[in-house]
């Protein structure tokens, strides 16, 4: 496992232990970076207008389309680190 991949896994665990829940915009960023870093580009259909949460998650992830997995992983790690010190 690469150094970045291990730091990413550590950040995933750390994100579950944050002392304070991040605001919704930050949660969407975390979700998008996590999905892009672990799965890659968004796939499937955009959820319908009645699924507001699913639609927001899909849109946040879709904004990262084309971004390298490694870049998304690093962004995730950096964001979790900033939340731990906040």
N, C-alpha and C. Protein backbone atom coordinates (compact mmCIF):
# COMPACT_ATOMS: atom_id res chain seq x y z
N UNK A 1 0.86 -1.19 0.00
CA UNK A 1 0.00 0.00 0.00
C UNK A 1 0.89 1.24 0.00
N UNK A 2 0.56 2.16 -0.87
CA UNK A 2 1.38 3.37 -0.95
C UNK A 2 1.18 4.24 0.29
N UNK A 3 2.10 5.17 0.47
CA UNK A 3 2.03 6.08 1.61
C UNK A 3 0.74 6.89 1.57
N UNK A 4 0.38 7.38 0.37
CA UNK A 4 -0.85 8.18 0.24
C UNK A 4 -2.07 7.34 0.57
N UNK A 5 -2.10 6.11 0.09
CA UNK A 5 -3.24 5.24 0.37
C UNK A 5 -3.38 4.97 1.86
N UNK A 6 -2.28 4.79 2.55
CA UNK A 6 -2.36 4.54 4.00
C UNK A 6 -2.79 5.81 4.74
N UNK A 7 -2.30 6.97 4.29
CA UNK A 7 -2.74 8.22 4.91
C UNK A 7 -4.23 8.47 4.64
N UNK A 8 -4.69 8.08 3.46
CA UNK A 8 -6.10 8.21 3.09
C UNK A 8 -6.95 7.34 4.03
N UNK A 9 -6.54 6.09 4.24
CA UNK A 9 -7.28 5.19 5.13
C UNK A 9 -7.29 5.73 6.56
N UNK A 10 -6.18 6.28 7.00
CA UNK A 10 -6.12 6.87 8.33
C UNK A 10 -7.07 8.06 8.43
N UNK A 11 -7.10 8.87 7.39
CA UNK A 11 -8.00 10.04 7.38
C UNK A 11 -9.46 9.60 7.40
N UNK A 12 -9.78 8.51 6.71
CA UNK A 12 -11.16 8.00 6.72
C UNK A 12 -11.54 7.63 8.16
N UNK A 13 -10.65 6.95 8.85
CA UNK A 13 -10.93 6.58 10.25
C UNK A 13 -11.02 7.83 11.12
N UNK A 14 -10.11 8.78 10.92
CA UNK A 14 -10.12 10.02 11.70
C UNK A 14 -11.39 10.83 11.48
N UNK A 15 -11.92 10.80 10.26
CA UNK A 15 -13.12 11.58 9.95
C UNK A 15 -14.32 11.10 10.78
N UNK A 16 -14.30 9.84 11.17
CA UNK A 16 -15.39 9.30 11.98
C UNK A 16 -15.27 9.68 13.45
N UNK A 17 -14.10 10.22 13.83
CA UNK A 17 -13.84 10.54 15.23
C UNK A 17 -13.74 12.05 15.48
N UNK A 18 -14.16 12.85 14.53
CA UNK A 18 -14.07 14.30 14.72
C UNK A 18 -14.92 14.72 15.91
N UNK A 19 -14.41 15.69 16.66
CA UNK A 19 -15.12 16.12 17.86
C UNK A 19 -16.40 16.90 17.53
N UNK A 20 -16.42 17.53 16.36
CA UNK A 20 -17.58 18.32 15.96
C UNK A 20 -17.97 17.94 14.54
N UNK A 21 -19.27 17.78 14.28
CA UNK A 21 -19.73 17.45 12.94
C UNK A 21 -19.53 18.66 12.03
N UNK A 22 -18.87 18.47 10.88
CA UNK A 22 -18.68 19.58 9.94
C UNK A 22 -20.01 20.07 9.36
N UNK A 23 -20.01 21.29 8.83
CA UNK A 23 -21.21 21.82 8.20
C UNK A 23 -21.51 21.02 6.92
N UNK A 24 -22.69 21.23 6.36
CA UNK A 24 -23.13 20.44 5.21
C UNK A 24 -22.22 20.60 3.99
N UNK A 25 -21.74 21.81 3.72
CA UNK A 25 -20.85 22.02 2.57
C UNK A 25 -19.56 21.22 2.73
N UNK A 26 -19.02 21.21 3.93
CA UNK A 26 -17.80 20.46 4.20
C UNK A 26 -18.06 18.96 4.11
N UNK A 27 -19.22 18.53 4.58
CA UNK A 27 -19.58 17.12 4.48
C UNK A 27 -19.66 16.69 3.01
N UNK A 28 -20.22 17.55 2.16
CA UNK A 28 -20.29 17.23 0.74
C UNK A 28 -18.90 17.15 0.11
N UNK A 29 -18.00 18.04 0.53
CA UNK A 29 -16.62 17.98 0.03
C UNK A 29 -15.96 16.68 0.46
N UNK A 30 -16.14 16.31 1.73
CA UNK A 30 -15.57 15.06 2.22
C UNK A 30 -16.10 13.88 1.41
N UNK A 31 -17.40 13.87 1.18
CA UNK A 31 -18.02 12.79 0.41
C UNK A 31 -17.44 12.74 -0.99
N UNK A 32 -17.37 13.88 -1.65
CA UNK A 32 -16.90 13.93 -3.04
C UNK A 32 -15.43 13.49 -3.14
N UNK A 33 -14.58 14.00 -2.27
CA UNK A 33 -13.17 13.61 -2.29
C UNK A 33 -13.02 12.12 -1.99
N UNK A 34 -13.82 11.61 -1.03
CA UNK A 34 -13.74 10.19 -0.70
C UNK A 34 -14.14 9.34 -1.90
N UNK A 35 -15.26 9.66 -2.50
CA UNK A 35 -15.74 8.86 -3.63
C UNK A 35 -14.79 8.94 -4.82
N UNK A 36 -14.30 10.14 -5.13
CA UNK A 36 -13.38 10.29 -6.26
C UNK A 36 -12.08 9.55 -5.98
N UNK A 37 -11.62 9.61 -4.73
CA UNK A 37 -10.38 8.95 -4.36
C UNK A 37 -10.48 7.44 -4.28
N UNK A 38 -11.66 6.94 -3.96
CA UNK A 38 -11.80 5.49 -3.81
C UNK A 38 -12.43 4.80 -5.01
N UNK A 39 -13.33 5.49 -5.72
CA UNK A 39 -14.05 4.88 -6.84
C UNK A 39 -13.61 5.45 -8.18
N UNK A 40 -13.37 6.76 -8.22
CA UNK A 40 -13.08 7.42 -9.48
C UNK A 40 -14.26 8.27 -9.91
N UNK A 41 -14.37 8.52 -11.19
CA UNK A 41 -15.43 9.39 -11.70
C UNK A 41 -16.83 8.86 -11.38
N UNK A 42 -17.73 9.80 -11.18
CA UNK A 42 -19.12 9.48 -10.87
C UNK A 42 -19.74 8.71 -12.05
N UNK A 43 -20.60 7.76 -11.70
CA UNK A 43 -21.29 6.96 -12.71
C UNK A 43 -22.76 6.92 -12.36
N UNK A 44 -23.56 6.49 -13.30
CA UNK A 44 -24.98 6.34 -13.05
C UNK A 44 -25.75 7.62 -13.30
N UNK A 45 -27.05 7.52 -13.08
CA UNK A 45 -27.93 8.65 -13.31
C UNK A 45 -28.00 9.53 -12.07
N UNK A 46 -28.21 10.81 -12.33
CA UNK A 46 -28.39 11.77 -11.24
C UNK A 46 -29.73 11.48 -10.56
N UNK A 47 -29.75 11.43 -9.23
CA UNK A 47 -31.02 11.17 -8.52
C UNK A 47 -32.08 12.22 -8.87
N UNK A 48 -33.32 11.82 -8.76
CA UNK A 48 -34.44 12.70 -9.07
C UNK A 48 -34.59 13.85 -8.09
N UNK A 49 -35.45 14.79 -8.44
CA UNK A 49 -35.61 16.01 -7.64
C UNK A 49 -36.18 15.75 -6.26
N UNK A 50 -36.77 14.59 -6.02
CA UNK A 50 -37.31 14.30 -4.70
C UNK A 50 -36.23 13.80 -3.73
N UNK A 51 -35.08 13.39 -4.27
CA UNK A 51 -33.97 12.91 -3.44
C UNK A 51 -32.93 14.03 -3.31
N UNK A 52 -33.22 14.99 -2.45
CA UNK A 52 -32.36 16.17 -2.34
C UNK A 52 -30.96 15.83 -1.86
N UNK A 53 -30.85 14.94 -0.88
CA UNK A 53 -29.53 14.59 -0.35
C UNK A 53 -28.73 13.83 -1.39
N UNK A 54 -29.35 12.84 -2.01
CA UNK A 54 -28.66 12.06 -3.04
C UNK A 54 -28.23 12.93 -4.20
N UNK A 55 -29.06 13.88 -4.55
CA UNK A 55 -28.76 14.79 -5.66
C UNK A 55 -27.58 15.69 -5.31
N UNK A 56 -27.55 16.20 -4.08
CA UNK A 56 -26.44 17.07 -3.64
C UNK A 56 -25.14 16.28 -3.62
N UNK A 57 -25.18 15.04 -3.14
CA UNK A 57 -23.98 14.20 -3.12
C UNK A 57 -23.49 13.93 -4.55
N UNK A 58 -24.42 13.58 -5.42
CA UNK A 58 -24.07 13.29 -6.81
C UNK A 58 -23.43 14.52 -7.46
N UNK A 59 -24.03 15.68 -7.26
CA UNK A 59 -23.52 16.92 -7.86
C UNK A 59 -22.13 17.25 -7.34
N UNK A 60 -21.91 17.08 -6.03
CA UNK A 60 -20.59 17.37 -5.44
C UNK A 60 -19.54 16.44 -6.04
N UNK A 61 -19.87 15.17 -6.18
CA UNK A 61 -18.95 14.20 -6.75
C UNK A 61 -18.71 14.48 -8.23
N UNK A 62 -19.76 14.84 -8.95
CA UNK A 62 -19.65 15.10 -10.39
C UNK A 62 -18.72 16.29 -10.69
N UNK A 63 -18.63 17.23 -9.76
CA UNK A 63 -17.73 18.38 -9.95
C UNK A 63 -16.27 17.95 -10.04
N UNK A 64 -15.95 16.80 -9.48
CA UNK A 64 -14.56 16.31 -9.48
C UNK A 64 -14.27 15.38 -10.65
N UNK A 65 -15.22 15.24 -11.55
CA UNK A 65 -15.04 14.32 -12.69
C UNK A 65 -13.76 14.68 -13.45
N UNK A 66 -12.95 13.67 -13.69
CA UNK A 66 -11.70 13.86 -14.40
C UNK A 66 -10.50 14.08 -13.49
N UNK A 67 -10.76 14.35 -12.22
CA UNK A 67 -9.66 14.55 -11.27
C UNK A 67 -9.00 13.20 -10.97
N UNK A 68 -7.71 13.22 -10.80
CA UNK A 68 -6.97 11.99 -10.50
C UNK A 68 -7.35 11.48 -9.11
N UNK A 69 -7.41 10.17 -8.98
CA UNK A 69 -7.72 9.57 -7.67
C UNK A 69 -6.75 10.04 -6.61
N UNK A 70 -5.46 10.11 -6.97
CA UNK A 70 -4.43 10.51 -6.01
C UNK A 70 -4.66 11.94 -5.52
N UNK A 71 -5.04 12.82 -6.44
CA UNK A 71 -5.31 14.22 -6.06
C UNK A 71 -6.50 14.29 -5.10
N UNK A 72 -7.54 13.54 -5.40
CA UNK A 72 -8.72 13.54 -4.53
C UNK A 72 -8.38 12.96 -3.15
N UNK A 73 -7.56 11.92 -3.14
CA UNK A 73 -7.14 11.35 -1.86
C UNK A 73 -6.37 12.36 -1.04
N UNK A 74 -5.47 13.09 -1.68
CA UNK A 74 -4.68 14.10 -0.97
C UNK A 74 -5.57 15.22 -0.45
N UNK A 75 -6.54 15.65 -1.26
CA UNK A 75 -7.48 16.70 -0.82
C UNK A 75 -8.28 16.22 0.39
N UNK A 76 -8.69 14.96 0.37
CA UNK A 76 -9.44 14.39 1.49
C UNK A 76 -8.59 14.41 2.76
N UNK A 77 -7.35 13.93 2.64
CA UNK A 77 -6.44 13.90 3.79
C UNK A 77 -6.24 15.31 4.33
N UNK A 78 -6.00 16.27 3.45
CA UNK A 78 -5.78 17.66 3.87
C UNK A 78 -7.00 18.23 4.57
N UNK A 79 -8.19 17.95 4.03
CA UNK A 79 -9.41 18.48 4.62
C UNK A 79 -9.66 17.87 6.01
N UNK A 80 -9.46 16.58 6.15
CA UNK A 80 -9.66 15.95 7.46
C UNK A 80 -8.66 16.51 8.46
N UNK A 81 -7.42 16.68 8.04
CA UNK A 81 -6.40 17.25 8.94
C UNK A 81 -6.81 18.65 9.40
N UNK A 82 -7.34 19.46 8.49
CA UNK A 82 -7.75 20.82 8.86
C UNK A 82 -8.94 20.77 9.83
N UNK A 83 -9.81 19.78 9.67
CA UNK A 83 -10.96 19.67 10.57
C UNK A 83 -10.54 19.19 11.96
N UNK A 84 -9.50 18.39 12.03
CA UNK A 84 -9.02 17.90 13.33
C UNK A 84 -8.45 19.04 14.16
N UNK A 85 -7.86 20.04 13.53
CA UNK A 85 -7.26 21.14 14.27
C UNK A 85 -8.24 22.28 14.50
N UNK A 86 -9.39 22.22 13.85
CA UNK A 86 -10.37 23.32 13.97
C UNK A 86 -11.13 23.25 15.27
